[in-house]
Amino acid sequence: MPPVVFALAAAVGFYAASRLIAAMVGQAPPDQMQGDAAATATSDCARDLGQLEWDATAGVYRPKA
């Protein structure tokens, strides 16, 4: 019976800790949340770079000049 009681106490402790962490994450300062929203708003759309060509020296694709 003691292992069952220990497992139940551990489960209750993990649940309480997860609720505490979730509450702490939800209380971010407004200035940090505003910056995150601005960053995601600009990164949602892809830019059209036109035709690309392979730059072998850099190892990346670059817009054709």
C-alpha atoms as a PDB file:
ATOM      1  CA  MET A   1       0.000   0.000   0.000  1.00  0.00           C
ATOM      2  CA  PRO A   2       2.796   2.563   0.689  1.00  0.00           C
ATOM      3  CA  PRO A   3       3.992   2.577  -2.969  1.00  0.00           C
ATOM      4  CA  VAL A   4       0.458   3.429  -4.102  1.00  0.00           C
ATOM      5  CA  VAL A   5       0.264   6.319  -1.641  1.00  0.00           C
ATOM      6  CA  PHE A   6       3.703   7.560  -2.764  1.00  0.00           C
ATOM      7  CA  ALA A   7       2.682   7.367  -6.447  1.00  0.00           C
ATOM      8  CA  LEU A   8      -0.542   9.256  -5.719  1.00  0.00           C
ATOM      9  CA  ALA A   9       1.339  11.969  -3.806  1.00  0.00           C
ATOM     10  CA  ALA A  10       3.864  12.295  -6.632  1.00  0.00           C
ATOM     11  CA  ALA A  11       1.076  12.621  -9.220  1.00  0.00           C
ATOM     12  CA  VAL A  12      -0.637  15.348  -7.187  1.00  0.00           C
ATOM     13  CA  GLY A  13       2.711  17.169  -6.831  1.00  0.00           C
ATOM     14  CA  PHE A  14       3.419  17.004 -10.570  1.00  0.00           C
ATOM     15  CA  TYR A  15      -0.076  18.269 -11.345  1.00  0.00           C
ATOM     16  CA  ALA A  16       0.300  21.199  -8.941  1.00  0.00           C
ATOM     17  CA  ALA A  17       3.714  22.062 -10.399  1.00  0.00           C
ATOM     18  CA  SER A  18       2.380  21.992 -13.955  1.00  0.00           C
ATOM     19  CA  ARG A  19      -0.507  24.303 -13.028  1.00  0.00           C
ATOM     20  CA  LEU A  20       1.928  26.691 -11.311  1.00  0.00           C
ATOM     21  CA  ILE A  21       4.237  26.778 -14.342  1.00  0.00           C
ATOM     22  CA  ALA A  22       1.284  27.346 -16.681  1.00  0.00           C
ATOM     23  CA  ALA A  23       0.120  30.275 -14.544  1.00  0.00           C
ATOM     24  CA  MET A  24       3.618  31.784 -14.499  1.00  0.00           C
ATOM     25  CA  VAL A  25       3.961  31.537 -18.282  1.00  0.00           C
ATOM     26  CA  GLY A  26       0.611  33.271 -18.784  1.00  0.00           C
ATOM     27  CA  GLN A  27       1.735  36.300 -16.776  1.00  0.00           C
ATOM     28  CA  ALA A  28       4.372  37.670 -19.167  1.00  0.00           C
ATOM     29  CA  PRO A  29       4.885  41.444 -19.080  1.00  0.00           C
ATOM     30  CA  PRO A  30       2.866  43.297 -21.755  1.00  0.00           C
ATOM     31  CA  ASP A  31       5.960  44.800 -23.399  1.00  0.00           C
ATOM     32  CA  GLN A  32       7.391  41.339 -24.068  1.00  0.00           C
ATOM     33  CA  MET A  33       4.098  40.085 -25.475  1.00  0.00           C
ATOM     34  CA  GLN A  34       3.826  43.094 -27.811  1.00  0.00           C
ATOM     35  CA  GLY A  35       7.301  42.427 -29.226  1.00  0.00           C
ATOM     36  CA  ASP A  36       6.465  38.805 -29.891  1.00  0.00           C
ATOM     37  CA  ALA A  37       3.285  39.773 -31.751  1.00  0.00           C
ATOM     38  CA  ALA A  38       5.171  42.250 -33.932  1.00  0.00           C
ATOM     39  CA  ALA A  39       7.829  39.683 -34.789  1.00  0.00           C
ATOM     40  CA  THR A  40       5.328  37.009 -35.791  1.00  0.00           C
ATOM     41  CA  ALA A  41       3.245  39.460 -37.839  1.00  0.00           C
ATOM     42  CA  THR A  42       6.199  40.357 -40.057  1.00  0.00           C
ATOM     43  CA  SER A  43       7.487  36.816 -40.432  1.00  0.00           C
ATOM     44  CA  ASP A  44       4.186  35.237 -41.510  1.00  0.00           C
ATOM     45  CA  CYS A  45       4.488  36.270 -45.155  1.00  0.00           C
ATOM     46  CA  ALA A  46       7.304  35.285 -47.484  1.00  0.00           C
ATOM     47  CA  ARG A  47       9.006  37.811 -49.718  1.00  0.00           C
ATOM     48  CA  ASP A  48       9.128  37.228 -53.459  1.00  0.00           C
ATOM     49  CA  LEU A  49      12.791  37.409 -54.437  1.00  0.00           C
ATOM     50  CA  GLY A  50      12.212  36.643 -58.092  1.00  0.00           C
ATOM     51  CA  GLN A  51      14.652  34.363 -59.906  1.00  0.00           C
ATOM     52  CA  LEU A  52      17.372  32.825 -57.750  1.00  0.00           C
ATOM     53  CA  GLU A  53      20.815  31.555 -58.685  1.00  0.00           C
ATOM     54  CA  TRP A  54      23.168  29.312 -56.752  1.00  0.00           C
ATOM     55  CA  ASP A  55      26.174  31.067 -55.172  1.00  0.00           C
ATOM     56  CA  ALA A  56      28.753  28.285 -54.911  1.00  0.00           C
ATOM     57  CA  THR A  57      31.205  30.284 -52.816  1.00  0.00           C
ATOM     58  CA  ALA A  58      28.647  31.054 -50.101  1.00  0.00           C
ATOM     59  CA  GLY A  59      26.633  27.856 -50.570  1.00  0.00           C
ATOM     60  CA  VAL A  60      23.259  29.632 -50.748  1.00  0.00           C
ATOM     61  CA  TYR A  61      20.748  30.830 -53.326  1.00  0.00           C
ATOM     62  CA  ARG A  62      20.796  34.568 -54.065  1.00  0.00           C
ATOM     63  CA  PRO A  63      18.533  36.781 -56.225  1.00  0.00           C
ATOM     64  CA  LYS A  64      19.731  37.229 -59.787  1.00  0.00           C
ATOM     65  CA  ALA A  65      21.217  40.646 -60.358  1.00  0.00           C
END
